[in-house]
C-alpha atoms as a PDB file:
ATOM      1  CA  MET A   1      96.718  69.076  69.595  1.00  0.00           C
ATOM      2  CA  LEU A   2      96.357  65.877  67.563  1.00  0.00           C
ATOM      3  CA  SER A   3      92.782  65.382  68.768  1.00  0.00           C
ATOM      4  CA  ALA A   4      91.894  68.805  67.365  1.00  0.00           C
ATOM      5  CA  VAL A   5      93.605  68.190  64.016  1.00  0.00           C
ATOM      6  CA  VAL A   6      91.925  64.832  63.267  1.00  0.00           C
ATOM      7  CA  PRO A   7      88.318  66.107  63.563  1.00  0.00           C
ATOM      8  CA  PHE A   8      89.318  69.158  61.492  1.00  0.00           C
ATOM      9  CA  ARG A   9      90.678  66.995  58.681  1.00  0.00           C
ATOM     10  CA  GLY A  10      87.635  64.746  58.920  1.00  0.00           C
ATOM     11  CA  GLU A  11      85.328  67.733  58.487  1.00  0.00           C
ATOM     12  CA  LEU A  12      87.374  68.993  55.549  1.00  0.00           C
ATOM     13  CA  CYS A  13      87.275  65.581  53.894  1.00  0.00           C
ATOM     14  CA  ARG A  14      83.501  65.479  54.352  1.00  0.00           C
ATOM     15  CA  ARG A  15      83.148  68.835  52.638  1.00  0.00           C
ATOM     16  CA  ILE A  16      85.443  67.725  49.815  1.00  0.00           C
ATOM     17  CA  GLY A  17      83.329  64.604  49.339  1.00  0.00           C
ATOM     18  CA  ASN A  18      80.138  66.663  49.059  1.00  0.00           C
ATOM     19  CA  ALA A  19      81.625  69.295  46.738  1.00  0.00           C
ATOM     20  CA  GLU A  20      81.618  69.357  42.947  1.00  0.00           C
ATOM     21  CA  LEU A  21      85.193  70.404  42.264  1.00  0.00           C
ATOM     22  CA  ASP A  22      86.480  71.906  39.019  1.00  0.00           C
ATOM     23  CA  ILE A  23      89.985  70.896  37.903  1.00  0.00           C
ATOM     24  CA  GLU A  24      90.876  74.409  36.713  1.00  0.00           C
ATOM     25  CA  GLU A  25      89.904  75.783  40.115  1.00  0.00           C
ATOM     26  CA  LEU A  26      92.048  73.148  41.820  1.00  0.00           C
ATOM     27  CA  GLN A  27      95.033  73.920  39.589  1.00  0.00           C
ATOM     28  CA  THR A  28      94.593  77.624  40.196  1.00  0.00           C
ATOM     29  CA  PHE A  29      94.455  77.139  43.957  1.00  0.00           C
ATOM     30  CA  VAL A  30      97.693  75.065  43.899  1.00  0.00           C
ATOM     31  CA  GLU A  31      99.439  77.744  41.830  1.00  0.00           C
ATOM     32  CA  VAL A  32      98.352  80.511  44.214  1.00  0.00           C
ATOM     33  CA  ALA A  33      99.381  78.449  47.223  1.00  0.00           C
ATOM     34  CA  ASP A  34     102.830  77.739  45.759  1.00  0.00           C
ATOM     35  CA  ALA A  35     103.388  81.226  44.329  1.00  0.00           C
ATOM     36  CA  GLY A  36     102.198  83.010  47.476  1.00  0.00           C
ATOM     37  CA  GLY A  37      99.881  85.379  45.682  1.00  0.00           C
ATOM     38  CA  VAL A  38      97.304  85.940  42.957  1.00  0.00           C
ATOM     39  CA  SER A  39      99.567  88.055  40.717  1.00  0.00           C
ATOM     40  CA  SER A  40     102.357  85.497  40.610  1.00  0.00           C
ATOM     41  CA  ALA A  41      99.902  82.647  40.006  1.00  0.00           C
ATOM     42  CA  ALA A  42      98.229  84.580  37.194  1.00  0.00           C
ATOM     43  CA  LEU A  43     101.621  85.053  35.527  1.00  0.00           C
ATOM     44  CA  ARG A  44     102.360  81.342  35.834  1.00  0.00           C
ATOM     45  CA  LEU A  45      98.986  80.362  34.431  1.00  0.00           C
ATOM     46  CA  GLY A  46      98.964  82.941  31.684  1.00  0.00           C
ATOM     47  CA  VAL A  47      95.568  84.349  32.695  1.00  0.00           C
ATOM     48  CA  SER A  48      94.353  87.588  34.287  1.00  0.00           C
ATOM     49  CA  LYS A  49      94.272  88.181  38.020  1.00  0.00           C
ATOM     50  CA  SER A  50      90.506  88.556  37.884  1.00  0.00           C
ATOM     51  CA  ILE A  51      90.145  85.042  36.462  1.00  0.00           C
ATOM     52  CA  VAL A  52      92.349  83.644  39.229  1.00  0.00           C
ATOM     53  CA  SER A  53      90.331  85.460  41.888  1.00  0.00           C
ATOM     54  CA  ARG A  54      87.025  84.180  40.467  1.00  0.00           C
ATOM     55  CA  ARG A  55      88.250  80.590  40.417  1.00  0.00           C
ATOM     56  CA  LEU A  56      89.407  80.848  44.012  1.00  0.00           C
ATOM     57  CA  PHE A  57      86.089  82.360  45.098  1.00  0.00           C
ATOM     58  CA  ARG A  58      84.105  79.568  43.417  1.00  0.00           C
ATOM     59  CA  LEU A  59      86.307  76.873  44.955  1.00  0.00           C
ATOM     60  CA  GLU A  60      85.996  78.297  48.484  1.00  0.00           C
ATOM     61  CA  ALA A  61      82.257  78.729  48.021  1.00  0.00           C
ATOM     62  CA  GLU A  62      81.881  75.126  46.862  1.00  0.00           C
ATOM     63  CA  LEU A  63      83.914  73.810  49.808  1.00  0.00           C
ATOM     64  CA  GLY A  64      82.361  76.210  52.285  1.00  0.00           C
ATOM     65  CA  VAL A  65      85.727  77.003  53.829  1.00  0.00           C
ATOM     66  CA  GLN A  66      88.371  79.738  53.485  1.00  0.00           C
ATOM     67  CA  LEU A  67      91.553  78.365  51.919  1.00  0.00           C
ATOM     68  CA  LEU A  68      93.603  81.550  51.651  1.00  0.00           C
ATOM     69  CA  ALA A  69      94.063  84.584  53.868  1.00  0.00           C
ATOM     70  CA  ARG A  70      94.570  87.501  51.452  1.00  0.00           C
ATOM     71  CA  SER A  71      96.459  90.679  52.190  1.00  0.00           C
ATOM     72  CA  THR A  72      98.231  93.447  50.269  1.00  0.00           C
ATOM     73  CA  ARG A  73     101.426  91.375  50.558  1.00  0.00           C
ATOM     74  CA  GLY A  74      99.997  88.257  48.971  1.00  0.00           C
ATOM     75  CA  ALA A  75      98.014  85.199  50.017  1.00  0.00           C
ATOM     76  CA  ALA A  76      98.827  82.833  52.876  1.00  0.00           C
ATOM     77  CA  LEU A  77      97.329  79.392  53.365  1.00  0.00           C
ATOM     78  CA  THR A  78      94.842  78.973  56.169  1.00  0.00           C
ATOM     79  CA  GLU A  79      94.904  75.758  58.211  1.00  0.00           C
ATOM     80  CA  ALA A  80      92.276  74.308  55.886  1.00  0.00           C
ATOM     81  CA  GLY A  81      94.187  75.549  52.833  1.00  0.00           C
ATOM     82  CA  ALA A  82      97.449  73.944  53.959  1.00  0.00           C
ATOM     83  CA  THR A  83      95.693  70.598  54.384  1.00  0.00           C
ATOM     84  CA  PHE A  84      93.744  70.880  51.145  1.00  0.00           C
ATOM     85  CA  ARG A  85      96.748  71.987  49.057  1.00  0.00           C
ATOM     86  CA  ASP A  86      98.395  68.516  49.178  1.00  0.00           C
ATOM     87  CA  TYR A  87      95.142  66.793  48.206  1.00  0.00           C
ATOM     88  CA  ALA A  88      94.582  69.226  45.350  1.00  0.00           C
ATOM     89  CA  ALA A  89      98.166  68.857  44.048  1.00  0.00           C
ATOM     90  CA  ARG A  90      97.851  65.068  43.952  1.00  0.00           C
ATOM     91  CA  VAL A  91      94.527  65.280  42.115  1.00  0.00           C
ATOM     92  CA  CYS A  92      95.968  67.691  39.526  1.00  0.00           C
ATOM     93  CA  ALA A  93      98.976  65.440  38.968  1.00  0.00           C
ATOM     94  CA  GLU A  94      96.777  62.387  38.452  1.00  0.00           C
ATOM     95  CA  ILE A  95      94.552  64.294  36.033  1.00  0.00           C
ATOM     96  CA  ASP A  96      97.617  65.361  34.011  1.00  0.00           C
ATOM     97  CA  VAL A  97      98.752  61.745  33.770  1.00  0.00           C
ATOM     98  CA  ALA A  98      95.251  60.638  32.762  1.00  0.00           C
ATOM     99  CA  ARG A  99      95.051  63.298  30.063  1.00  0.00           C
ATOM    100  CA  GLU A 100      98.390  62.242  28.615  1.00  0.00           C
ATOM    101  CA  THR A 101      97.247  58.616  28.586  1.00  0.00           C
ATOM    102  CA  ILE A 102      94.118  59.269  26.486  1.00  0.00           C
ATOM    103  CA  LEU A 103      95.611  61.847  24.091  1.00  0.00           C
ATOM    104  CA  PRO A 104      96.274  60.668  20.528  1.00  0.00           C
ATOM    105  CA  ALA A 105      99.835  59.448  20.056  1.00  0.00           C
ATOM    106  CA  GLY A 106     102.257  62.356  19.794  1.00  0.00           C
ATOM    107  CA  GLU A 107      99.720  65.056  20.730  1.00  0.00           C
ATOM    108  CA  LEU A 108     100.518  67.419  23.595  1.00  0.00           C
ATOM    109  CA  ARG A 109      98.407  70.101  25.196  1.00  0.00           C
ATOM    110  CA  GLY A 110      98.341  72.200  28.338  1.00  0.00           C
ATOM    111  CA  ARG A 111     101.135  74.447  29.553  1.00  0.00           C
ATOM    112  CA  LEU A 112     104.930  74.040  29.654  1.00  0.00           C
ATOM    113  CA  ARG A 113     106.970  76.545  31.690  1.00  0.00           C
ATOM    114  CA  VAL A 114     110.704  76.407  31.039  1.00  0.00           C
ATOM    115  CA  SER A 115     113.612  78.340  32.526  1.00  0.00           C
ATOM    116  CA  ALA A 116     116.603  78.821  30.203  1.00  0.00           C
ATOM    117  CA  PRO A 117     119.897  80.723  30.456  1.00  0.00           C
ATOM    118  CA  LEU A 118     119.889  84.307  29.235  1.00  0.00           C
ATOM    119  CA  SER A 119     123.499  84.169  28.041  1.00  0.00           C
ATOM    120  CA  PHE A 120     122.868  81.685  25.238  1.00  0.00           C
ATOM    121  CA  GLY A 121     119.303  80.411  25.551  1.00  0.00           C
ATOM    122  CA  PRO A 122     117.782  82.823  22.970  1.00  0.00           C
ATOM    123  CA  THR A 123     120.466  81.976  20.403  1.00  0.00           C
ATOM    124  CA  HIS A 124     120.898  78.236  21.083  1.00  0.00           C
ATOM    125  CA  PHE A 125     117.558  76.900  22.335  1.00  0.00           C
ATOM    126  CA  ALA A 126     114.856  79.334  21.205  1.00  0.00           C
ATOM    127  CA  SER A 127     114.543  77.570  17.850  1.00  0.00           C
ATOM    128  CA  ALA A 128     113.956  74.233  19.625  1.00  0.00           C
ATOM    129  CA  PHE A 129     111.146  75.772  21.721  1.00  0.00           C
ATOM    130  CA  ALA A 130     109.637  77.237  18.532  1.00  0.00           C
ATOM    131  CA  GLU A 131     109.814  73.814  16.861  1.00  0.00           C
ATOM    132  CA  MET A 132     108.095  72.258  19.882  1.00  0.00           C
ATOM    133  CA  ALA A 133     105.266  74.786  19.581  1.00  0.00           C
ATOM    134  CA  ARG A 134     104.982  74.173  15.831  1.00  0.00           C
ATOM    135  CA  ARG A 135     104.695  70.411  16.275  1.00  0.00           C
ATOM    136  CA  HIS A 136     102.151  70.713  19.120  1.00  0.00           C
ATOM    137  CA  PRO A 137      99.723  73.530  18.319  1.00  0.00           C
ATOM    138  CA  GLN A 138      97.619  72.906  21.463  1.00  0.00           C
ATOM    139  CA  LEU A 139     100.615  73.229  23.786  1.00  0.00           C
ATOM    140  CA  HIS A 140     101.243  76.598  25.482  1.00  0.00           C
ATOM    141  CA  ILE A 141     104.987  77.205  26.022  1.00  0.00           C
ATOM    142  CA  GLN A 142     106.286  79.921  28.326  1.00  0.00           C
ATOM    143  CA  THR A 143     110.055  80.379  28.501  1.00  0.00           C
ATOM    144  CA  CYS A 144     111.831  82.594  31.019  1.00  0.00           C
ATOM    145  CA  TYR A 145     115.396  83.560  30.075  1.00  0.00           C
ATOM    146  CA  SER A 146     117.565  84.300  33.095  1.00  0.00           C
ATOM    147  CA  ASP A 147     121.076  83.433  34.239  1.00  0.00           C
ATOM    148  CA  ARG A 148     119.968  82.996  37.842  1.00  0.00           C
ATOM    149  CA  PHE A 149     119.109  79.506  39.126  1.00  0.00           C
ATOM    150  CA  VAL A 150     115.349  79.570  39.581  1.00  0.00           C
ATOM    151  CA  ASP A 151     113.628  77.448  42.213  1.00  0.00           C
ATOM    152  CA  LEU A 152     111.630  75.132  39.971  1.00  0.00           C
ATOM    153  CA  ILE A 153     109.124  74.049  42.598  1.00  0.00           C
ATOM    154  CA  ALA A 154     108.607  77.375  44.388  1.00  0.00           C
ATOM    155  CA  GLU A 155     108.381  79.351  41.120  1.00  0.00           C
ATOM    156  CA  GLY A 156     106.229  76.862  39.253  1.00  0.00           C
ATOM    157  CA  TYR A 157     108.495  75.725  36.432  1.00  0.00           C
ATOM    158  CA  ASP A 158     108.072  72.346  34.770  1.00  0.00           C
ATOM    159  CA  CYS A 159     111.764  72.139  33.913  1.00  0.00           C
ATOM    160  CA  ALA A 160     114.906  74.190  33.311  1.00  0.00           C
ATOM    161  CA  ILE A 161     117.985  74.090  31.117  1.00  0.00           C
ATOM    162  CA  ARG A 162     121.148  74.358  33.189  1.00  0.00           C
ATOM    163  CA  VAL A 163     124.716  74.334  32.039  1.00  0.00           C
ATOM    164  CA  GLY A 164     128.170  73.693  33.392  1.00  0.00           C
ATOM    165  CA  TYR A 165     128.895  71.327  36.272  1.00  0.00           C
ATOM    166  CA  LEU A 166     125.774  70.432  38.222  1.00  0.00           C
ATOM    167  CA  GLN A 167     125.597  70.942  41.951  1.00  0.00           C
ATOM    168  CA  ASP A 168     124.267  68.131  44.106  1.00  0.00           C
ATOM    169  CA  SER A 169     120.514  68.470  44.545  1.00  0.00           C
ATOM    170  CA  ASN A 170     117.320  66.462  44.665  1.00  0.00           C
ATOM    171  CA  LEU A 171     116.447  67.559  41.117  1.00  0.00           C
ATOM    172  CA  ILE A 172     116.544  65.063  38.271  1.00  0.00           C
ATOM    173  CA  ALA A 173     118.871  65.850  35.359  1.00  0.00           C
ATOM    174  CA  ARG A 174     119.138  64.581  31.766  1.00  0.00           C
ATOM    175  CA  ARG A 175     122.182  65.565  29.718  1.00  0.00           C
ATOM    176  CA  ILE A 176     121.300  67.022  26.318  1.00  0.00           C
ATOM    177  CA  GLY A 177     124.702  68.060  24.972  1.00  0.00           C
ATOM    178  CA  PRO A 178     128.357  68.897  25.641  1.00  0.00           C
ATOM    179  CA  ILE A 179     129.828  72.239  26.609  1.00  0.00           C
ATOM    180  CA  TYR A 180     133.370  73.233  25.706  1.00  0.00           C
ATOM    181  CA  GLY A 181     135.156  76.248  27.117  1.00  0.00           C
ATOM    182  CA  LYS A 182     138.508  77.793  27.835  1.00  0.00           C
ATOM    183  CA  LEU A 183     140.300  80.431  29.867  1.00  0.00           C
ATOM    184  CA  VAL A 184     140.835  83.678  27.951  1.00  0.00           C
ATOM    185  CA  ALA A 185     142.277  87.136  28.477  1.00  0.00           C
ATOM    186  CA  SER A 186     143.084  90.166  26.327  1.00  0.00           C
ATOM    187  CA  PRO A 187     146.584  90.600  24.869  1.00  0.00           C
ATOM    188  CA  GLU A 188     146.847  93.815  26.894  1.00  0.00           C
ATOM    189  CA  TYR A 189     146.197  91.952  30.140  1.00  0.00           C
ATOM    190  CA  VAL A 190     148.844  89.344  29.286  1.00  0.00           C
ATOM    191  CA  LYS A 191     151.326  92.085  28.369  1.00  0.00           C
ATOM    192  CA  LEU A 192     150.816  93.858  31.702  1.00  0.00           C
ATOM    193  CA  HIS A 193     150.394  90.879  34.061  1.00  0.00           C
ATOM    194  CA  GLY A 194     151.818  87.881  32.244  1.00  0.00           C
ATOM    195  CA  SER A 195     150.112  84.586  31.469  1.00  0.00           C
ATOM    196  CA  PRO A 196     149.768  81.994  34.259  1.00  0.00           C
ATOM    197  CA  GLU A 197     151.108  78.553  33.364  1.00  0.00           C
ATOM    198  CA  THR A 198     149.910  76.535  36.375  1.00  0.00           C
ATOM    199  CA  PRO A 199     146.803  76.478  38.597  1.00  0.00           C
ATOM    200  CA  GLU A 200     148.910  77.800  41.447  1.00  0.00           C
ATOM    201  CA  GLU A 201     149.885  80.859  39.397  1.00  0.00           C
ATOM    202  CA  LEU A 202     146.284  81.400  38.298  1.00  0.00           C
ATOM    203  CA  VAL A 203     145.048  82.232  41.818  1.00  0.00           C
ATOM    204  CA  ALA A 204     147.378  85.256  41.871  1.00  0.00           C
ATOM    205  CA  HIS A 205     145.623  86.803  38.865  1.00  0.00           C
ATOM    206  CA  GLU A 206     142.440  88.830  38.507  1.00  0.00           C
ATOM    207  CA  ALA A 207     139.558  86.511  37.634  1.00  0.00           C
ATOM    208  CA  LEU A 208     136.299  87.555  35.984  1.00  0.00           C
ATOM    209  CA  MET A 209     133.562  85.520  37.639  1.00  0.00           C
ATOM    210  CA  GLN A 210     129.846  85.031  38.045  1.00  0.00           C
ATOM    211  CA  GLY A 211     130.086  84.910  41.822  1.00  0.00           C
ATOM    212  CA  THR A 212     132.232  82.792  44.144  1.00  0.00           C
ATOM    213  CA  GLU A 213     132.402  79.747  41.871  1.00  0.00           C
ATOM    214  CA  ALA A 214     135.266  77.278  41.653  1.00  0.00           C
ATOM    215  CA  TRP A 215     137.003  76.572  38.344  1.00  0.00           C
ATOM    216  CA  GLN A 216     137.808  73.024  37.299  1.00  0.00           C
ATOM    217  CA  LEU A 217     140.938  72.364  35.231  1.00  0.00           C
ATOM    218  CA  MET A 218     142.656  69.297  33.874  1.00  0.00           C
ATOM    219  CA  ASP A 219     146.095  68.257  35.138  1.00  0.00           C
ATOM    220  CA  GLY A 220     146.838  65.275  32.936  1.00  0.00           C
ATOM    221  CA  ASP A 221     144.075  62.790  33.710  1.00  0.00           C
ATOM    222  CA  LYS A 222     143.127  64.487  36.970  1.00  0.00           C
ATOM    223  CA  VAL A 223     140.547  67.215  37.538  1.00  0.00           C
ATOM    224  CA  ILE A 224     141.709  69.862  39.943  1.00  0.00           C
ATOM    225  CA  THR A 225     139.659  72.641  41.507  1.00  0.00           C
ATOM    226  CA  VAL A 226     140.850  76.242  41.705  1.00  0.00           C
ATOM    227  CA  ARG A 227     139.117  79.035  43.603  1.00  0.00           C
ATOM    228  CA  PRO A 228     140.099  82.234  41.799  1.00  0.00           C
ATOM    229  CA  GLN A 229     139.719  85.752  43.124  1.00  0.00           C
ATOM    230  CA  GLY A 230     138.677  88.922  41.373  1.00  0.00           C
ATOM    231  CA  ARG A 231     136.982  92.288  41.743  1.00  0.00           C
ATOM    232  CA  PHE A 232     134.733  92.127  38.659  1.00  0.00           C
ATOM    233  CA  LYS A 233     131.708  89.859  38.755  1.00  0.00           C
ATOM    234  CA  ALA A 234     128.613  89.523  36.549  1.00  0.00           C
ATOM    235  CA  ASP A 235     125.866  86.926  36.253  1.00  0.00           C
ATOM    236  CA  ASN A 236     125.941  87.078  32.452  1.00  0.00           C
ATOM    237  CA  GLY A 237     128.537  85.550  30.128  1.00  0.00           C
ATOM    238  CA  THR A 238     128.339  88.353  27.538  1.00  0.00           C
ATOM    239  CA  ALA A 239     129.199  90.892  30.244  1.00  0.00           C
ATOM    240  CA  LEU A 240     132.246  88.806  31.231  1.00  0.00           C
ATOM    241  CA  VAL A 241     133.406  88.762  27.588  1.00  0.00           C
ATOM    242  CA  SER A 242     133.319  92.557  27.523  1.00  0.00           C
ATOM    243  CA  ALA A 243     135.302  92.716  30.755  1.00  0.00           C
ATOM    244  CA  ALA A 244     137.907  90.315  29.384  1.00  0.00           C
ATOM    245  CA  ILE A 245     138.280  92.327  26.144  1.00  0.00           C
ATOM    246  CA  ALA A 246     138.713  95.448  28.298  1.00  0.00           C
ATOM    247  CA  GLY A 247     141.710  93.813  29.988  1.00  0.00           C
ATOM    248  CA  LEU A 248     140.182  93.449  33.452  1.00  0.00           C
ATOM    249  CA  GLY A 249     141.282  89.877  34.000  1.00  0.00           C
ATOM    250  CA  ILE A 250     141.051  86.203  33.012  1.00  0.00           C
ATOM    251  CA  ALA A 251     137.657  84.706  32.216  1.00  0.00           C
ATOM    252  CA  TYR A 252     136.457  81.103  32.032  1.00  0.00           C
ATOM    253  CA  LEU A 253     133.984  81.176  29.177  1.00  0.00           C
ATOM    254  CA  PRO A 254     132.307  78.893  26.622  1.00  0.00           C
ATOM    255  CA  ASP A 255     133.792  78.610  23.148  1.00  0.00           C
ATOM    256  CA  TRP A 256     130.618  79.803  21.468  1.00  0.00           C
ATOM    257  CA  LEU A 257     130.911  83.136  23.340  1.00  0.00           C
ATOM    258  CA  THR A 258     134.628  83.663  22.684  1.00  0.00           C
ATOM    259  CA  HIS A 259     135.464  82.034  19.348  1.00  0.00           C
ATOM    260  CA  GLU A 260     135.029  85.164  17.198  1.00  0.00           C
ATOM    261  CA  TYR A 261     137.103  87.260  19.624  1.00  0.00           C
ATOM    262  CA  VAL A 262     139.849  84.642  19.764  1.00  0.00           C
ATOM    263  CA  ALA A 263     139.817  84.481  15.930  1.00  0.00           C
ATOM    264  CA  SER A 264     140.132  88.291  15.716  1.00  0.00           C
ATOM    265  CA  GLY A 265     142.908  88.429  18.340  1.00  0.00           C
ATOM    266  CA  GLN A 266     140.912  90.460  20.856  1.00  0.00           C
ATOM    267  CA  LEU A 267     141.198  87.514  23.271  1.00  0.00           C
ATOM    268  CA  VAL A 268     143.878  84.866  23.600  1.00  0.00           C
ATOM    269  CA  PRO A 269     143.644  81.408  25.206  1.00  0.00           C
ATOM    270  CA  ILE A 270     145.272  81.063  28.647  1.00  0.00           C
ATOM    271  CA  MET A 271     146.687  77.939  30.337  1.00  0.00           C
ATOM    272  CA  THR A 272     146.163  75.661  27.351  1.00  0.00           C
ATOM    273  CA  ARG A 273     148.059  72.874  29.111  1.00  0.00           C
ATOM    274  CA  HIS A 274     145.338  72.882  31.783  1.00  0.00           C
ATOM    275  CA  PRO A 275     142.058  73.068  29.860  1.00  0.00           C
ATOM    276  CA  PRO A 276     138.672  72.869  31.581  1.00  0.00           C
ATOM    277  CA  PRO A 277     137.073  69.415  31.376  1.00  0.00           C
ATOM    278  CA  PRO A 278     134.033  69.222  29.095  1.00  0.00           C
ATOM    279  CA  ALA A 279     130.853  70.177  30.905  1.00  0.00           C
ATOM    280  CA  GLY A 280     127.275  69.662  29.823  1.00  0.00           C
ATOM    281  CA  ALA A 281     123.874  71.145  29.163  1.00  0.00           C
ATOM    282  CA  TYR A 282     121.048  69.478  31.078  1.00  0.00           C
ATOM    283  CA  VAL A 283     117.274  69.473  31.356  1.00  0.00           C
ATOM    284  CA  ILE A 284     116.439  69.644  35.059  1.00  0.00           C
ATOM    285  CA  ARG A 285     113.063  68.733  36.526  1.00  0.00           C
ATOM    286  CA  PRO A 286     111.603  68.342  40.014  1.00  0.00           C
ATOM    287  CA  PRO A 287     111.721  64.847  41.502  1.00  0.00           C
ATOM    288  CA  GLY A 288     108.913  62.462  40.628  1.00  0.00           C
ATOM    289  CA  GLN A 289     108.424  58.896  39.565  1.00  0.00           C
ATOM    290  CA  HIS A 290     107.688  59.702  35.926  1.00  0.00           C
ATOM    291  CA  PRO A 291     108.320  62.958  34.057  1.00  0.00           C
ATOM    292  CA  ALA A 292     105.380  64.461  32.179  1.00  0.00           C
ATOM    293  CA  ARG A 293     105.353  63.457  28.506  1.00  0.00           C
ATOM    294  CA  LYS A 294     105.770  67.093  27.455  1.00  0.00           C
ATOM    295  CA  ILE A 295     109.073  67.239  29.367  1.00  0.00           C
ATOM    296  CA  ARG A 296     110.231  63.976  27.805  1.00  0.00           C
ATOM    297  CA  VAL A 297     109.357  65.236  24.332  1.00  0.00           C
ATOM    298  CA  LEU A 298     111.121  68.561  24.915  1.00  0.00           C
ATOM    299  CA  THR A 299     114.223  66.768  26.217  1.00  0.00           C
ATOM    300  CA  GLU A 300     114.450  64.518  23.161  1.00  0.00           C
ATOM    301  CA  LEU A 301     113.968  67.521  20.877  1.00  0.00           C
ATOM    302  CA  LEU A 302     116.770  69.411  22.640  1.00  0.00           C
ATOM    303  CA  ILE A 303     119.102  66.404  22.328  1.00  0.00           C
ATOM    304  CA  GLU A 304     118.295  66.252  18.617  1.00  0.00           C
ATOM    305  CA  HIS A 305     118.843  69.996  18.331  1.00  0.00           C
ATOM    306  CA  CYS A 306     122.232  69.860  20.085  1.00  0.00           C
ATOM    307  CA  ASN A 307     123.411  66.900  17.997  1.00  0.00           C
ATOM    308  CA  ARG A 308     122.770  68.673  14.709  1.00  0.00           C
ATOM    309  CA  SER A 309     124.035  72.081  15.818  1.00  0.00           C
ATOM    310  CA  PRO A 310     127.257  73.068  13.983  1.00  0.00           C
ATOM    311  CA  HIS A 311     128.503  74.871  17.099  1.00  0.00           C
ATOM    312  CA  PRO A 312     128.519  72.911  20.412  1.00  0.00           C
ATOM    313  CA  ALA A 313     126.692  74.586  23.249  1.00  0.00           C
ATOM    314  CA  GLY A 314     128.644  76.399  25.886  1.00  0.00           C
ATOM    315  CA  ALA A 315     128.199  78.282  29.086  1.00  0.00           C
ATOM    316  CA  ALA A 316     130.010  80.075  31.822  1.00  0.00           C
ATOM    317  CA  PRO A 317     130.998  77.761  34.661  1.00  0.00           C
ATOM    318  CA  ALA A 318     128.395  76.870  37.254  1.00  0.00           C
END
């Protein structure tokens, strides 16, 4: 098998060496390869599907080899495409670094794809993204607001804002601000079911959750983990606020989502002797030796934004 692979790669390298390759065509091919289809890649790149198809056709014609096997379900890499994809990705990365190096100080261009939480991203971070676009008029910013954890690499994001307590992963994180939250319930729920005083009592109550997450609480100087149970779940903090006001259970929510309802008496704090430890908001990026300058600039802007915000950021627990 190895003897067959080596000549194949040698032939591919020969064709690469004789070809006049266009960087946009290389970038488009990498996006299609990673996205698994022309439509998804077009969305990532912010261009039409016809433009993506034309770039792919020109690249394959220049190389004289088929890189992608197309079908109604998407596009799969051929053997040549799988080999060429890694070469192309490295070239595109080096070109991006070179472009940043020669740009005038402070100037950014190209594309920046960011994933941000739906629950508070539009209200807390949208102004920072707008400021980034204002300062860098040649930079194209595309933000996707969703409370699900996107796969940065597979879905083609440069970075994401994530909140709460980070799970172990190979992604690189930079903290941009604190998150403060509390456990809350409606007065009606407390009247009917009582108010738990200890973590042990909490597990006997109805919890309003995002999924199967664990809740972290303080017991003096120690952080303890509780795994609550409940029949109402939603992947959006605003939906959990509504459920808590309706008396369906106890919710673990950020202060920015609950402060007006606590002030009005629609919600009351629960287990104040065991508050959640402060969490954080983070910019997450795929692993690499050096982050792109556009990610570094965005991160510093978000830190600045969080520091001057009169209301600390918050989020439902991760």
